[in-house]
């Protein structure tokens, strides 16, 4: 992998659900291309990403500085992880990415409830 393959992944480390998901990605083959940044513990995430935005929605930044969020961010991660490339290929089919984004936006309002449940389960 080259440096151009590196992604910075901004996540909410204070969210038990998010922490579980990030732990899963960290264990994957290819995770060395991902730099994980806990937005709940960082003050400066760049001029184009506020802490509040990073905590509300999933973001990644590529080596060229391009910032993407939501379903597109997940797809960028999947493209780098060998065991997830199949999901990235499916997501890139015509019409699938907008559907994934719609599903992600539907998930965001229930995320706090799911996060509380994940927190209880991890205790």
PDB file of N, CA and C in Angstrom:
ATOM      1  N   UNK A   1       0.822  -1.193   0.000  1.00  0.00           N
ATOM      2  CA  UNK A   1       0.000   0.000   0.000  1.00  0.00           C
ATOM      3  C   UNK A   1       0.856   1.243   0.000  1.00  0.00           C
ATOM      4  N   UNK A   2       0.397   2.229  -0.701  1.00  0.00           N
ATOM      5  CA  UNK A   2       1.096   3.502  -0.735  1.00  0.00           C
ATOM      6  C   UNK A   2       0.425   4.466   0.233  1.00  0.00           C
ATOM      7  N   UNK A   3       1.053   5.595   0.464  1.00  0.00           N
ATOM      8  CA  UNK A   3       0.453   6.607   1.330  1.00  0.00           C
ATOM      9  C   UNK A   3      -0.872   7.105   0.784  1.00  0.00           C
ATOM     10  N   UNK A   4      -1.050   7.035  -0.537  1.00  0.00           N
ATOM     11  CA  UNK A   4      -2.307   7.473  -1.136  1.00  0.00           C
ATOM     12  C   UNK A   4      -3.469   6.579  -0.741  1.00  0.00           C
ATOM     13  N   UNK A   5      -3.178   5.397  -0.197  1.00  0.00           N
ATOM     14  CA  UNK A   5      -4.220   4.475   0.219  1.00  0.00           C
ATOM     15  C   UNK A   5      -4.652   4.701   1.663  1.00  0.00           C
ATOM     16  N   UNK A   6      -4.009   5.625   2.359  1.00  0.00           N
ATOM     17  CA  UNK A   6      -4.297   5.848   3.770  1.00  0.00           C
ATOM     18  C   UNK A   6      -5.547   6.707   3.941  1.00  0.00           C
ATOM     19  N   UNK A   7      -6.371   6.300   4.898  1.00  0.00           N
ATOM     20  CA  UNK A   7      -7.564   7.072   5.253  1.00  0.00           C
ATOM     21  C   UNK A   7      -7.498   7.425   6.734  1.00  0.00           C
ATOM     22  N   UNK A   8      -7.909   8.630   7.064  1.00  0.00           N
ATOM     23  CA  UNK A   8      -8.099   9.004   8.461  1.00  0.00           C
ATOM     24  C   UNK A   8      -9.579   8.829   8.755  1.00  0.00           C
ATOM     25  N   UNK A   9      -9.862   8.038   9.764  1.00  0.00           N
ATOM     26  CA  UNK A   9     -11.237   7.693  10.132  1.00  0.00           C
ATOM     27  C   UNK A   9     -11.585   8.450  11.412  1.00  0.00           C
ATOM     28  N   UNK A  10     -12.572   9.327  11.338  1.00  0.00           N
ATOM     29  CA  UNK A  10     -13.026  10.087  12.504  1.00  0.00           C
ATOM     30  C   UNK A  10     -14.244   9.381  13.091  1.00  0.00           C
ATOM     31  N   UNK A  11     -14.164   9.060  14.360  1.00  0.00           N
ATOM     32  CA  UNK A  11     -15.255   8.322  15.001  1.00  0.00           C
ATOM     33  C   UNK A  11     -15.527   8.871  16.391  1.00  0.00           C
ATOM     34  N   UNK A  12     -16.675   8.503  16.922  1.00  0.00           N
ATOM     35  CA  UNK A  12     -17.084   8.920  18.261  1.00  0.00           C
ATOM     36  C   UNK A  12     -16.684   7.823  19.242  1.00  0.00           C
ATOM     37  N   UNK A  13     -15.531   7.974  19.845  1.00  0.00           N
ATOM     38  CA  UNK A  13     -15.029   6.971  20.784  1.00  0.00           C
ATOM     39  C   UNK A  13     -15.835   6.885  22.063  1.00  0.00           C
ATOM     40  N   UNK A  14     -16.669   7.887  22.348  1.00  0.00           N
ATOM     41  CA  UNK A  14     -17.513   7.856  23.541  1.00  0.00           C
ATOM     42  C   UNK A  14     -18.803   7.083  23.296  1.00  0.00           C
ATOM     43  N   UNK A  15     -19.053   6.698  22.070  1.00  0.00           N
ATOM     44  CA  UNK A  15     -20.251   5.948  21.703  1.00  0.00           C
ATOM     45  C   UNK A  15     -19.914   4.452  21.733  1.00  0.00           C
ATOM     46  N   UNK A  16     -20.524   3.677  22.635  1.00  0.00           N
ATOM     47  CA  UNK A  16     -20.202   2.247  22.715  1.00  0.00           C
ATOM     48  C   UNK A  16     -20.437   1.491  21.406  1.00  0.00           C
ATOM     49  N   UNK A  17     -21.476   1.834  20.683  1.00  0.00           N
ATOM     50  CA  UNK A  17     -21.751   1.182  19.406  1.00  0.00           C
ATOM     51  C   UNK A  17     -20.651   1.495  18.397  1.00  0.00           C
ATOM     52  N   UNK A  18     -20.282   2.761  18.320  1.00  0.00           N
ATOM     53  CA  UNK A  18     -19.228   3.189  17.395  1.00  0.00           C
ATOM     54  C   UNK A  18     -17.886   2.557  17.775  1.00  0.00           C
ATOM     55  N   UNK A  19     -17.608   2.503  19.069  1.00  0.00           N
ATOM     56  CA  UNK A  19     -16.355   1.917  19.536  1.00  0.00           C
ATOM     57  C   UNK A  19     -16.261   0.440  19.146  1.00  0.00           C
ATOM     58  N   UNK A  20     -17.378  -0.277  19.223  1.00  0.00           N
ATOM     59  CA  UNK A  20     -17.386  -1.689  18.798  1.00  0.00           C
ATOM     60  C   UNK A  20     -17.097  -1.804  17.304  1.00  0.00           C
ATOM     61  N   UNK A  21     -17.724  -0.951  16.527  1.00  0.00           N
ATOM     62  CA  UNK A  21     -17.520  -1.002  15.084  1.00  0.00           C
ATOM     63  C   UNK A  21     -16.071  -0.683  14.724  1.00  0.00           C
ATOM     64  N   UNK A  22     -15.508   0.339  15.336  1.00  0.00           N
ATOM     65  CA  UNK A  22     -14.126   0.711  15.062  1.00  0.00           C
ATOM     66  C   UNK A  22     -13.180  -0.399  15.510  1.00  0.00           C
ATOM     67  N   UNK A  23     -13.458  -1.027  16.633  1.00  0.00           N
ATOM     68  CA  UNK A  23     -12.627  -2.154  17.086  1.00  0.00           C
ATOM     69  C   UNK A  23     -12.648  -3.273  16.045  1.00  0.00           C
ATOM     70  N   UNK A  24     -13.799  -3.499  15.446  1.00  0.00           N
ATOM     71  CA  UNK A  24     -13.906  -4.514  14.389  1.00  0.00           C
ATOM     72  C   UNK A  24     -13.012  -4.146  13.197  1.00  0.00           C
ATOM     73  N   UNK A  25     -13.101  -2.897  12.751  1.00  0.00           N
ATOM     74  CA  UNK A  25     -12.276  -2.470  11.625  1.00  0.00           C
ATOM     75  C   UNK A  25     -10.788  -2.540  11.960  1.00  0.00           C
ATOM     76  N   UNK A  26     -10.413  -2.207  13.178  1.00  0.00           N
ATOM     77  CA  UNK A  26      -8.999  -2.250  13.593  1.00  0.00           C
ATOM     78  C   UNK A  26      -8.416  -3.666  13.498  1.00  0.00           C
ATOM     79  N   UNK A  27      -9.259  -4.669  13.682  1.00  0.00           N
ATOM     80  CA  UNK A  27      -8.792  -6.065  13.647  1.00  0.00           C
ATOM     81  C   UNK A  27      -8.691  -6.639  12.233  1.00  0.00           C
ATOM     82  N   UNK A  28      -9.174  -5.920  11.259  1.00  0.00           N
ATOM     83  CA  UNK A  28      -9.218  -6.429   9.895  1.00  0.00           C
ATOM     84  C   UNK A  28      -7.856  -6.358   9.208  1.00  0.00           C
ATOM     85  N   UNK A  29      -7.603  -7.334   8.338  1.00  0.00           N
ATOM     86  CA  UNK A  29      -6.443  -7.273   7.464  1.00  0.00           C
ATOM     87  C   UNK A  29      -6.567  -5.994   6.633  1.00  0.00           C
ATOM     88  N   UNK A  30      -5.492  -5.243   6.531  1.00  0.00           N
ATOM     89  CA  UNK A  30      -5.512  -3.994   5.787  1.00  0.00           C
ATOM     90  C   UNK A  30      -5.753  -2.772   6.661  1.00  0.00           C
ATOM     91  N   UNK A  31      -6.036  -2.977   7.941  1.00  0.00           N
ATOM     92  CA  UNK A  31      -6.337  -1.858   8.842  1.00  0.00           C
ATOM     93  C   UNK A  31      -5.150  -0.922   9.044  1.00  0.00           C
ATOM     94  N   UNK A  32      -3.954  -1.380   8.678  1.00  0.00           N
ATOM     95  CA  UNK A  32      -2.786  -0.502   8.803  1.00  0.00           C
ATOM     96  C   UNK A  32      -2.902   0.712   7.872  1.00  0.00           C
ATOM     97  N   UNK A  33      -3.800   0.666   6.908  1.00  0.00           N
ATOM     98  CA  UNK A  33      -4.032   1.806   6.005  1.00  0.00           C
ATOM     99  C   UNK A  33      -5.028   2.800   6.596  1.00  0.00           C
ATOM    100  N   UNK A  34      -5.530   2.510   7.789  1.00  0.00           N
ATOM    101  CA  UNK A  34      -6.512   3.370   8.438  1.00  0.00           C
ATOM    102  C   UNK A  34      -5.897   4.022   9.663  1.00  0.00           C
ATOM    103  N   UNK A  35      -6.056   5.315   9.770  1.00  0.00           N
ATOM    104  CA  UNK A  35      -5.614   6.066  10.941  1.00  0.00           C
ATOM    105  C   UNK A  35      -6.881   6.488  11.681  1.00  0.00           C
ATOM    106  N   UNK A  36      -7.064   5.980  12.890  1.00  0.00           N
ATOM    107  CA  UNK A  36      -8.291   6.221  13.640  1.00  0.00           C
ATOM    108  C   UNK A  36      -8.130   7.418  14.569  1.00  0.00           C
ATOM    109  N   UNK A  37      -9.069   8.341  14.482  1.00  0.00           N
ATOM    110  CA  UNK A  37      -9.049   9.539  15.329  1.00  0.00           C
ATOM    111  C   UNK A  37     -10.365   9.595  16.100  1.00  0.00           C
ATOM    112  N   UNK A  38     -10.248   9.571  17.417  1.00  0.00           N
ATOM    113  CA  UNK A  38     -11.422   9.662  18.283  1.00  0.00           C
ATOM    114  C   UNK A  38     -11.828  11.129  18.387  1.00  0.00           C
ATOM    115  N   UNK A  39     -12.886  11.497  17.667  1.00  0.00           N
ATOM    116  CA  UNK A  39     -13.341  12.884  17.638  1.00  0.00           C
ATOM    117  C   UNK A  39     -13.856  13.350  18.990  1.00  0.00           C
ATOM    118  N   UNK A  40     -14.260  12.418  19.859  1.00  0.00           N
ATOM    119  CA  UNK A  40     -14.753  12.815  21.179  1.00  0.00           C
ATOM    120  C   UNK A  40     -13.614  13.272  22.082  1.00  0.00           C
ATOM    121  N   UNK A  41     -12.382  12.931  21.719  1.00  0.00           N
ATOM    122  CA  UNK A  41     -11.228  13.278  22.542  1.00  0.00           C
ATOM    123  C   UNK A  41     -10.306  14.293  21.869  1.00  0.00           C
ATOM    124  N   UNK A  42     -10.634  14.719  20.653  1.00  0.00           N
ATOM    125  CA  UNK A  42      -9.785  15.640  19.899  1.00  0.00           C
ATOM    126  C   UNK A  42     -10.459  16.995  19.769  1.00  0.00           C
ATOM    127  N   UNK A  43      -9.680  18.034  19.825  1.00  0.00           N
ATOM    128  CA  UNK A  43     -10.227  19.368  19.643  1.00  0.00           C
ATOM    129  C   UNK A  43     -10.171  19.829  18.200  1.00  0.00           C
ATOM    130  N   UNK A  44      -9.026  19.649  17.538  1.00  0.00           N
ATOM    131  CA  UNK A  44      -8.833  20.150  16.179  1.00  0.00           C
ATOM    132  C   UNK A  44      -8.830  18.990  15.187  1.00  0.00           C
ATOM    133  N   UNK A  45      -9.827  18.979  14.307  1.00  0.00           N
ATOM    134  CA  UNK A  45      -9.935  17.926  13.304  1.00  0.00           C
ATOM    135  C   UNK A  45      -9.703  18.463  11.899  1.00  0.00           C
ATOM    136  N   UNK A  46      -9.361  19.722  11.800  1.00  0.00           N
ATOM    137  CA  UNK A  46      -9.138  20.366  10.506  1.00  0.00           C
ATOM    138  C   UNK A  46     -10.120  21.502  10.310  1.00  0.00           C
ATOM    139  N   UNK A  47      -9.790  22.359   9.361  1.00  0.00           N
ATOM    140  CA  UNK A  47     -10.628  23.537   9.099  1.00  0.00           C
ATOM    141  C   UNK A  47     -12.014  23.180   8.583  1.00  0.00           C
ATOM    142  N   UNK A  48     -12.132  22.050   7.902  1.00  0.00           N
ATOM    143  CA  UNK A  48     -13.401  21.692   7.260  1.00  0.00           C
ATOM    144  C   UNK A  48     -14.212  20.651   8.027  1.00  0.00           C
ATOM    145  N   UNK A  49     -13.781  20.322   9.255  1.00  0.00           N
ATOM    146  CA  UNK A  49     -14.525  19.347  10.052  1.00  0.00           C
ATOM    147  C   UNK A  49     -14.545  19.776  11.510  1.00  0.00           C
ATOM    148  N   UNK A  50     -15.719  20.166  11.967  1.00  0.00           N
ATOM    149  CA  UNK A  50     -15.855  20.527  13.380  1.00  0.00           C
ATOM    150  C   UNK A  50     -16.019  19.255  14.210  1.00  0.00           C
ATOM    151  N   UNK A  51     -15.702  19.380  15.473  1.00  0.00           N
ATOM    152  CA  UNK A  51     -15.864  18.253  16.391  1.00  0.00           C
ATOM    153  C   UNK A  51     -17.328  17.801  16.417  1.00  0.00           C
ATOM    154  N   UNK A  52     -18.241  18.761  16.442  1.00  0.00           N
ATOM    155  CA  UNK A  52     -19.669  18.459  16.492  1.00  0.00           C
ATOM    156  C   UNK A  52     -20.118  17.674  15.256  1.00  0.00           C
ATOM    157  N   UNK A  53     -19.654  18.100  14.087  1.00  0.00           N
ATOM    158  CA  UNK A  53     -20.008  17.385  12.847  1.00  0.00           C
ATOM    159  C   UNK A  53     -19.437  15.979  12.854  1.00  0.00           C
ATOM    160  N   UNK A  54     -18.212  15.833  13.354  1.00  0.00           N
ATOM    161  CA  UNK A  54     -17.572  14.516  13.393  1.00  0.00           C
ATOM    162  C   UNK A  54     -18.287  13.576  14.362  1.00  0.00           C
ATOM    163  N   UNK A  55     -18.874  14.116  15.412  1.00  0.00           N
ATOM    164  CA  UNK A  55     -19.598  13.282  16.374  1.00  0.00           C
ATOM    165  C   UNK A  55     -21.004  12.946  15.882  1.00  0.00           C
ATOM    166  N   UNK A  56     -21.562  13.792  15.049  1.00  0.00           N
ATOM    167  CA  UNK A  56     -22.918  13.562  14.518  1.00  0.00           C
ATOM    168  C   UNK A  56     -22.937  12.536  13.399  1.00  0.00           C
ATOM    169  N   UNK A  57     -21.856  12.494  12.607  1.00  0.00           N
ATOM    170  CA  UNK A  57     -21.851  11.723  11.370  1.00  0.00           C
ATOM    171  C   UNK A  57     -20.454  11.166  11.125  1.00  0.00           C
ATOM    172  N   UNK A  58     -20.380   9.976  10.568  1.00  0.00           N
ATOM    173  CA  UNK A  58     -19.124   9.285  10.299  1.00  0.00           C
ATOM    174  C   UNK A  58     -18.384   9.946   9.130  1.00  0.00           C
ATOM    175  N   UNK A  59     -17.090  10.240   9.319  1.00  0.00           N
ATOM    176  CA  UNK A  59     -16.270  10.899   8.300  1.00  0.00           C
ATOM    177  C   UNK A  59     -14.945  10.168   8.103  1.00  0.00           C
ATOM    178  N   UNK A  60     -14.425  10.237   6.879  1.00  0.00           N
ATOM    179  CA  UNK A  60     -13.047   9.826   6.588  1.00  0.00           C
ATOM    180  C   UNK A  60     -12.408  10.881   5.696  1.00  0.00           C
ATOM    181  N   UNK A  61     -11.082  10.974   5.803  1.00  0.00           N
ATOM    182  CA  UNK A  61     -10.307  11.900   4.973  1.00  0.00           C
ATOM    183  C   UNK A  61      -9.219  11.084   4.279  1.00  0.00           C
ATOM    184  N   UNK A  62      -9.100  11.267   2.957  1.00  0.00           N
ATOM    185  CA  UNK A  62      -8.064  10.535   2.237  1.00  0.00           C
ATOM    186  C   UNK A  62      -6.746  11.301   2.300  1.00  0.00           C
ATOM    187  N   UNK A  63      -5.707  10.709   1.743  1.00  0.00           N
ATOM    188  CA  UNK A  63      -4.369  11.296   1.808  1.00  0.00           C
ATOM    189  C   UNK A  63      -4.291  12.627   1.070  1.00  0.00           C
ATOM    190  N   UNK A  64      -5.202  12.862   0.133  1.00  0.00           N
ATOM    191  CA  UNK A  64      -5.230  14.128  -0.590  1.00  0.00           C
ATOM    192  C   UNK A  64      -6.014  15.206   0.157  1.00  0.00           C
ATOM    193  N   UNK A  65      -6.571  14.859   1.306  1.00  0.00           N
ATOM    194  CA  UNK A  65      -7.320  15.821   2.114  1.00  0.00           C
ATOM    195  C   UNK A  65      -8.807  15.855   1.833  1.00  0.00           C
ATOM    196  N   UNK A  66      -9.281  15.005   0.923  1.00  0.00           N
ATOM    197  CA  UNK A  66     -10.716  14.969   0.606  1.00  0.00           C
ATOM    198  C   UNK A  66     -11.487  14.339   1.761  1.00  0.00           C
ATOM    199  N   UNK A  67     -12.531  15.022   2.190  1.00  0.00           N
ATOM    200  CA  UNK A  67     -13.350  14.575   3.312  1.00  0.00           C
ATOM    201  C   UNK A  67     -14.683  14.060   2.786  1.00  0.00           C
ATOM    202  N   UNK A  68     -15.058  12.852   3.195  1.00  0.00           N
ATOM    203  CA  UNK A  68     -16.364  12.298   2.833  1.00  0.00           C
ATOM    204  C   UNK A  68     -17.022  11.771   4.101  1.00  0.00           C
ATOM    205  N   UNK A  69     -18.349  11.683   4.059  1.00  0.00           N
ATOM    206  CA  UNK A  69     -19.068  11.235   5.246  1.00  0.00           C
ATOM    207  C   UNK A  69     -20.180  10.276   4.878  1.00  0.00           C
ATOM    208  N   UNK A  70     -20.784   9.702   5.911  1.00  0.00           N
ATOM    209  CA  UNK A  70     -21.918   8.814   5.719  1.00  0.00           C
ATOM    210  C   UNK A  70     -21.555   7.551   4.966  1.00  0.00           C
ATOM    211  N   UNK A  71     -22.473   7.105   4.108  1.00  0.00           N
ATOM    212  CA  UNK A  71     -22.275   5.860   3.364  1.00  0.00           C
ATOM    213  C   UNK A  71     -20.998   5.910   2.537  1.00  0.00           C
ATOM    214  N   UNK A  72     -20.704   7.050   1.944  1.00  0.00           N
ATOM    215  CA  UNK A  72     -19.492   7.180   1.125  1.00  0.00           C
ATOM    216  C   UNK A  72     -18.236   6.920   1.954  1.00  0.00           C
ATOM    217  N   UNK A  73     -18.252   7.320   3.223  1.00  0.00           N
ATOM    218  CA  UNK A  73     -17.109   7.078   4.106  1.00  0.00           C
ATOM    219  C   UNK A  73     -16.939   5.591   4.384  1.00  0.00           C
ATOM    220  N   UNK A  74     -18.028   4.905   4.628  1.00  0.00           N
ATOM    221  CA  UNK A  74     -17.944   3.464   4.851  1.00  0.00           C
ATOM    222  C   UNK A  74     -17.409   2.757   3.610  1.00  0.00           C
ATOM    223  N   UNK A  75     -17.875   3.167   2.457  1.00  0.00           N
ATOM    224  CA  UNK A  75     -17.423   2.549   1.209  1.00  0.00           C
ATOM    225  C   UNK A  75     -15.925   2.734   1.027  1.00  0.00           C
ATOM    226  N   UNK A  76     -15.419   3.907   1.355  1.00  0.00           N
ATOM    227  CA  UNK A  76     -13.975   4.154   1.236  1.00  0.00           C
ATOM    228  C   UNK A  76     -13.189   3.214   2.139  1.00  0.00           C
ATOM    229  N   UNK A  77     -13.697   2.946   3.338  1.00  0.00           N
ATOM    230  CA  UNK A  77     -13.035   1.994   4.239  1.00  0.00           C
ATOM    231  C   UNK A  77     -13.090   0.594   3.647  1.00  0.00           C
ATOM    232  N   UNK A  78     -14.264   0.192   3.202  1.00  0.00           N
ATOM    233  CA  UNK A  78     -14.430  -1.156   2.650  1.00  0.00           C
ATOM    234  C   UNK A  78     -13.510  -1.405   1.463  1.00  0.00           C
ATOM    235  N   UNK A  79     -13.249  -0.370   0.677  1.00  0.00           N
ATOM    236  CA  UNK A  79     -12.361  -0.523  -0.476  1.00  0.00           C
ATOM    237  C   UNK A  79     -10.943  -0.889  -0.058  1.00  0.00           C
ATOM    238  N   UNK A  80     -10.524  -0.482   1.119  1.00  0.00           N
ATOM    239  CA  UNK A  80      -9.166  -0.745   1.590  1.00  0.00           C
ATOM    240  C   UNK A  80      -9.017  -2.055   2.355  1.00  0.00           C
ATOM    241  N   UNK A  81     -10.112  -2.592   2.847  1.00  0.00           N
ATOM    242  CA  UNK A  81     -10.044  -3.819   3.646  1.00  0.00           C
ATOM    243  C   UNK A  81     -10.380  -5.021   2.768  1.00  0.00           C
ATOM    244  N   UNK A  82      -9.406  -5.915   2.555  1.00  0.00           N
ATOM    245  CA  UNK A  82      -9.627  -7.030   1.630  1.00  0.00           C
ATOM    246  C   UNK A  82     -10.908  -7.818   1.873  1.00  0.00           C
ATOM    247  N   UNK A  83     -11.250  -8.080   3.106  1.00  0.00           N
ATOM    248  CA  UNK A  83     -12.460  -8.874   3.388  1.00  0.00           C
ATOM    249  C   UNK A  83     -13.754  -8.095   3.205  1.00  0.00           C
ATOM    250  N   UNK A  84     -13.648  -6.796   2.963  1.00  0.00           N
ATOM    251  CA  UNK A  84     -14.821  -5.945   2.769  1.00  0.00           C
ATOM    252  C   UNK A  84     -14.944  -5.420   1.352  1.00  0.00           C
ATOM    253  N   UNK A  85     -14.003  -5.762   0.484  1.00  0.00           N
ATOM    254  CA  UNK A  85     -14.044  -5.225  -0.886  1.00  0.00           C
ATOM    255  C   UNK A  85     -15.303  -5.633  -1.637  1.00  0.00           C
ATOM    256  N   UNK A  86     -15.835  -6.802  -1.311  1.00  0.00           N
ATOM    257  CA  UNK A  86     -17.075  -7.241  -1.954  1.00  0.00           C
ATOM    258  C   UNK A  86     -18.204  -6.253  -1.650  1.00  0.00           C
ATOM    259  N   UNK A  87     -18.238  -5.752  -0.409  1.00  0.00           N
ATOM    260  CA  UNK A  87     -19.279  -4.791  -0.020  1.00  0.00           C
ATOM    261  C   UNK A  87     -19.089  -3.468  -0.770  1.00  0.00           C
ATOM    262  N   UNK A  88     -17.837  -3.056  -0.939  1.00  0.00           N
ATOM    263  CA  UNK A  88     -17.560  -1.825  -1.685  1.00  0.00           C
ATOM    264  C   UNK A  88     -18.001  -1.980  -3.133  1.00  0.00           C
ATOM    265  N   UNK A  89     -17.740  -3.141  -3.729  1.00  0.00           N
ATOM    266  CA  UNK A  89     -18.158  -3.364  -5.123  1.00  0.00           C
ATOM    267  C   UNK A  89     -19.678  -3.318  -5.245  1.00  0.00           C
ATOM    268  N   UNK A  90     -20.373  -3.935  -4.307  1.00  0.00           N
ATOM    269  CA  UNK A  90     -21.842  -3.881  -4.325  1.00  0.00           C
ATOM    270  C   UNK A  90     -22.343  -2.454  -4.140  1.00  0.00           C
ATOM    271  N   UNK A  91     -21.718  -1.749  -3.228  1.00  0.00           N
ATOM    272  CA  UNK A  91     -22.137  -0.374  -2.929  1.00  0.00           C
ATOM    273  C   UNK A  91     -21.926   0.553  -4.116  1.00  0.00           C
ATOM    274  N   UNK A  92     -20.986   0.228  -4.983  1.00  0.00           N
ATOM    275  CA  UNK A  92     -20.688   1.068  -6.145  1.00  0.00           C
ATOM    276  C   UNK A  92     -21.605   0.770  -7.341  1.00  0.00           C
ATOM    277  N   UNK A  93     -22.451  -0.244  -7.226  1.00  0.00           N
ATOM    278  CA  UNK A  93     -23.401  -0.511  -8.307  1.00  0.00           C
ATOM    279  C   UNK A  93     -24.350   0.678  -8.452  1.00  0.00           C
ATOM    280  N   UNK A  94     -24.814   0.941  -9.663  1.00  0.00           N
ATOM    281  CA  UNK A  94     -25.703   2.089  -9.867  1.00  0.00           C
ATOM    282  C   UNK A  94     -26.911   2.063  -8.926  1.00  0.00           C
ATOM    283  N   UNK A  95     -27.106   3.187  -8.237  1.00  0.00           N
ATOM    284  CA  UNK A  95     -28.247   3.352  -7.343  1.00  0.00           C
ATOM    285  C   UNK A  95     -28.067   2.837  -5.932  1.00  0.00           C
ATOM    286  N   UNK A  96     -27.020   2.051  -5.676  1.00  0.00           N
ATOM    287  CA  UNK A  96     -26.859   1.448  -4.347  1.00  0.00           C
ATOM    288  C   UNK A  96     -26.333   2.455  -3.326  1.00  0.00           C
ATOM    289  N   UNK A  97     -25.353   3.262  -3.703  1.00  0.00           N
ATOM    290  CA  UNK A  97     -24.796   4.233  -2.751  1.00  0.00           C
ATOM    291  C   UNK A  97     -25.868   5.184  -2.216  1.00  0.00           C
ATOM    292  N   UNK A  98     -26.745   5.739  -3.066  1.00  0.00           N
ATOM    293  CA  UNK A  98     -27.802   6.601  -2.513  1.00  0.00           C
ATOM    294  C   UNK A  98     -28.738   5.852  -1.548  1.00  0.00           C
ATOM    295  N   UNK A  99     -28.995   4.581  -1.823  1.00  0.00           N
ATOM    296  CA  UNK A  99     -29.828   3.793  -0.900  1.00  0.00           C
ATOM    297  C   UNK A  99     -29.125   3.575   0.432  1.00  0.00           C
ATOM    298  N   UNK A 100     -27.823   3.318   0.379  1.00  0.00           N
ATOM    299  CA  UNK A 100     -27.056   3.158   1.621  1.00  0.00           C
ATOM    300  C   UNK A 100     -27.037   4.463   2.415  1.00  0.00           C
ATOM    301  N   UNK A 101     -26.916   5.582   1.720  1.00  0.00           N
ATOM    302  CA  UNK A 101     -26.942   6.882   2.401  1.00  0.00           C
ATOM    303  C   UNK A 101     -28.300   7.123   3.046  1.00  0.00           C
ATOM    304  N   UNK A 102     -29.350   6.770   2.360  1.00  0.00           N
ATOM    305  CA  UNK A 102     -30.700   6.901   2.914  1.00  0.00           C
ATOM    306  C   UNK A 102     -30.846   6.037   4.174  1.00  0.00           C
ATOM    307  N   UNK A 103     -30.349   4.811   4.108  1.00  0.00           N
ATOM    308  CA  UNK A 103     -30.389   3.919   5.274  1.00  0.00           C
ATOM    309  C   UNK A 103     -29.556   4.490   6.421  1.00  0.00           C
ATOM    310  N   UNK A 104     -28.389   5.044   6.102  1.00  0.00           N
ATOM    311  CA  UNK A 104     -27.542   5.638   7.130  1.00  0.00           C
ATOM    312  C   UNK A 104     -28.248   6.813   7.806  1.00  0.00           C
ATOM    313  N   UNK A 105     -28.877   7.658   7.015  1.00  0.00           N
ATOM    314  CA  UNK A 105     -29.615   8.793   7.590  1.00  0.00           C
ATOM    315  C   UNK A 105     -30.785   8.320   8.449  1.00  0.00           C
ATOM    316  N   UNK A 106     -31.392   7.197   8.081  1.00  0.00           N
ATOM    317  CA  UNK A 106     -32.458   6.622   8.897  1.00  0.00           C
ATOM    318  C   UNK A 106     -31.931   6.043  10.201  1.00  0.00           C
ATOM    319  N   UNK A 107     -30.693   5.552  10.166  1.00  0.00           N
ATOM    320  CA  UNK A 107     -30.056   4.979  11.351  1.00  0.00           C
ATOM    321  C   UNK A 107     -29.672   6.058  12.370  1.00  0.00           C
ATOM    322  N   UNK A 108     -29.254   7.231  11.900  1.00  0.00           N
ATOM    323  CA  UNK A 108     -28.725   8.269  12.801  1.00  0.00           C
ATOM    324  C   UNK A 108     -29.659   8.639  13.951  1.00  0.00           C
ATOM    325  N   UNK A 109     -30.974   8.787  13.738  1.00  0.00           N
ATOM    326  CA  UNK A 109     -31.846   9.125  14.866  1.00  0.00           C
ATOM    327  C   UNK A 109     -31.952   8.015  15.928  1.00  0.00           C
ATOM    328  N   UNK A 110     -31.756   6.762  15.529  1.00  0.00           N
ATOM    329  CA  UNK A 110     -31.848   5.668  16.507  1.00  0.00           C
ATOM    330  C   UNK A 110     -30.482   5.284  17.079  1.00  0.00           C
ATOM    331  N   UNK A 111     -29.427   5.907  16.577  1.00  0.00           N
ATOM    332  CA  UNK A 111     -28.077   5.612  17.064  1.00  0.00           C
ATOM    333  C   UNK A 111     -27.939   5.785  18.578  1.00  0.00           C
ATOM    334  N   UNK A 112     -28.470   6.867  19.184  1.00  0.00           N
ATOM    335  CA  UNK A 112     -28.321   6.996  20.641  1.00  0.00           C
ATOM    336  C   UNK A 112     -28.929   5.815  21.413  1.00  0.00           C
ATOM    337  N   UNK A 113     -30.088   5.356  20.988  1.00  0.00           N
ATOM    338  CA  UNK A 113     -30.715   4.206  21.649  1.00  0.00           C
ATOM    339  C   UNK A 113     -29.867   2.955  21.472  1.00  0.00           C
ATOM    340  N   UNK A 114     -29.419   2.695  20.257  1.00  0.00           N
ATOM    341  CA  UNK A 114     -28.585   1.521  19.995  1.00  0.00           C
ATOM    342  C   UNK A 114     -27.253   1.600  20.737  1.00  0.00           C
ATOM    343  N   UNK A 115     -26.732   2.810  20.868  1.00  0.00           N
ATOM    344  CA  UNK A 115     -25.486   2.990  21.597  1.00  0.00           C
ATOM    345  C   UNK A 115     -25.668   2.666  23.083  1.00  0.00           C
ATOM    346  N   UNK A 116     -26.793   3.105  23.646  1.00  0.00           N
ATOM    347  CA  UNK A 116     -27.064   2.767  25.056  1.00  0.00           C
ATOM    348  C   UNK A 116     -27.184   1.258  25.235  1.00  0.00           C
ATOM    349  N   UNK A 117     -27.855   0.606  24.297  1.00  0.00           N
ATOM    350  CA  UNK A 117     -27.987  -0.851  24.372  1.00  0.00           C
ATOM    351  C   UNK A 117     -26.626  -1.534  24.258  1.00  0.00           C
ATOM    352  N   UNK A 118     -25.808  -1.062  23.345  1.00  0.00           N
ATOM    353  CA  UNK A 118     -24.457  -1.629  23.186  1.00  0.00           C
ATOM    354  C   UNK A 118     -23.640  -1.423  24.461  1.00  0.00           C
ATOM    355  N   UNK A 119     -23.795  -0.261  25.092  1.00  0.00           N
ATOM    356  CA  UNK A 119     -23.095   0.006  26.342  1.00  0.00           C
ATOM    357  C   UNK A 119     -23.502  -0.941  27.454  1.00  0.00           C
ATOM    358  N   UNK A 120     -24.804  -1.217  27.526  1.00  0.00           N
ATOM    359  CA  UNK A 120     -25.300  -2.151  28.545  1.00  0.00           C
ATOM    360  C   UNK A 120     -24.802  -3.561  28.276  1.00  0.00           C
ATOM    361  N   UNK A 121     -24.782  -3.959  27.020  1.00  0.00           N
ATOM    362  CA  UNK A 121     -24.334  -5.305  26.664  1.00  0.00           C
ATOM    363  C   UNK A 121     -22.840  -5.515  26.943  1.00  0.00           C
ATOM    364  N   UNK A 122     -22.072  -4.443  26.838  1.00  0.00           N
ATOM    365  CA  UNK A 122     -20.627  -4.573  27.043  1.00  0.00           C
ATOM    366  C   UNK A 122     -20.239  -4.598  28.517  1.00  0.00           C
ATOM    367  N   UNK A 123     -21.172  -4.284  29.382  1.00  0.00           N
ATOM    368  CA  UNK A 123     -20.867  -4.294  30.824  1.00  0.00           C
ATOM    369  C   UNK A 123     -20.894  -5.658  31.405  1.00  0.00           C
TER     370      UNK A 123
END
